[in-house]
C-alpha atoms as a PDB file:
ATOM      1  CA  MET A   1       0.188  -0.241   0.191  1.00  0.00           C
ATOM      2  CA  ARG A   2       2.864   2.405   1.062  1.00  0.00           C
ATOM      3  CA  SER A   3       4.739   1.797  -2.266  1.00  0.00           C
ATOM      4  CA  ALA A   4       1.586   2.643  -4.188  1.00  0.00           C
ATOM      5  CA  ILE A   5       1.149   6.052  -2.660  1.00  0.00           C
ATOM      6  CA  ASP A   6       4.620   6.537  -3.116  1.00  0.00           C
ATOM      7  CA  LYS A   7       4.435   5.854  -7.011  1.00  0.00           C
ATOM      8  CA  LEU A   8       1.348   7.998  -6.912  1.00  0.00           C
ATOM      9  CA  GLN A   9       3.892  10.833  -5.314  1.00  0.00           C
ATOM     10  CA  SER A  10       6.468  10.407  -7.729  1.00  0.00           C
ATOM     11  CA  ILE A  11       4.547  10.783 -10.983  1.00  0.00           C
ATOM     12  CA  LYS A  12       3.070  13.639  -9.508  1.00  0.00           C
ATOM     13  CA  GLU A  13       6.365  15.366  -9.128  1.00  0.00           C
ATOM     14  CA  GLN A  14       7.323  14.137 -12.648  1.00  0.00           C
ATOM     15  CA  SER A  15       4.484  15.956 -14.224  1.00  0.00           C
ATOM     16  CA  VAL A  16       5.001  18.861 -12.156  1.00  0.00           C
ATOM     17  CA  LYS A  17       8.631  19.022 -13.499  1.00  0.00           C
ATOM     18  CA  VAL A  18       7.668  18.527 -16.998  1.00  0.00           C
ATOM     19  CA  GLN A  19       5.172  21.340 -16.780  1.00  0.00           C
ATOM     20  CA  ALA A  20       7.469  23.547 -15.717  1.00  0.00           C
ATOM     21  CA  ILE A  21      10.265  22.776 -18.420  1.00  0.00           C
ATOM     22  CA  SER A  22       7.416  23.246 -21.057  1.00  0.00           C
ATOM     23  CA  PHE A  23       6.759  26.441 -19.643  1.00  0.00           C
ATOM     24  CA  GLU A  24       9.823  27.674 -19.860  1.00  0.00           C
ATOM     25  CA  SER A  25      10.456  26.403 -23.182  1.00  0.00           C
ATOM     26  CA  GLU A  26       7.053  28.286 -24.103  1.00  0.00           C
ATOM     27  CA  LYS A  27       8.227  31.016 -22.121  1.00  0.00           C
ATOM     28  CA  SER A  28      11.625  31.508 -24.087  1.00  0.00           C
ATOM     29  CA  HIS A  29       9.852  30.666 -27.498  1.00  0.00           C
ATOM     30  CA  PHE A  30       7.416  33.669 -26.692  1.00  0.00           C
ATOM     31  CA  GLU A  31      10.743  36.035 -26.007  1.00  0.00           C
ATOM     32  CA  LYS A  32      12.567  34.637 -29.190  1.00  0.00           C
ATOM     33  CA  VAL A  33       9.121  36.045 -31.022  1.00  0.00           C
ATOM     34  CA  GLN A  34       9.134  39.671 -29.123  1.00  0.00           C
ATOM     35  CA  LEU A  35      12.685  39.900 -30.254  1.00  0.00           C
ATOM     36  CA  SER A  36      12.015  39.092 -34.263  1.00  0.00           C
ATOM     37  CA  ASN A  37       9.119  41.073 -34.053  1.00  0.00           C
ATOM     38  CA  ASP A  38      11.088  43.910 -32.650  1.00  0.00           C
ATOM     39  CA  PHE A  39      13.199  43.601 -34.972  1.00  0.00           C
ATOM     40  CA  LEU A  40      11.284  43.728 -37.792  1.00  0.00           C
ATOM     41  CA  CYS A  41       9.298  46.988 -36.255  1.00  0.00           C
ATOM     42  CA  ASN A  42      12.620  48.915 -36.187  1.00  0.00           C
ATOM     43  CA  PRO A  43      15.417  47.045 -38.243  1.00  0.00           C
ATOM     44  CA  SER A  44      17.557  50.347 -37.437  1.00  0.00           C
ATOM     45  CA  THR A  45      18.730  48.782 -33.885  1.00  0.00           C
END
């Protein structure tokens, strides 16, 4: 019984980690898009 609870806990922690990683990659992708948009709007910089 105990091991099942431990398994659920570790699965939960892993999914949280995965969500954090995907959030980070989404954020960096968004920042790249922002940078390229800024560059297109004012290419003089």
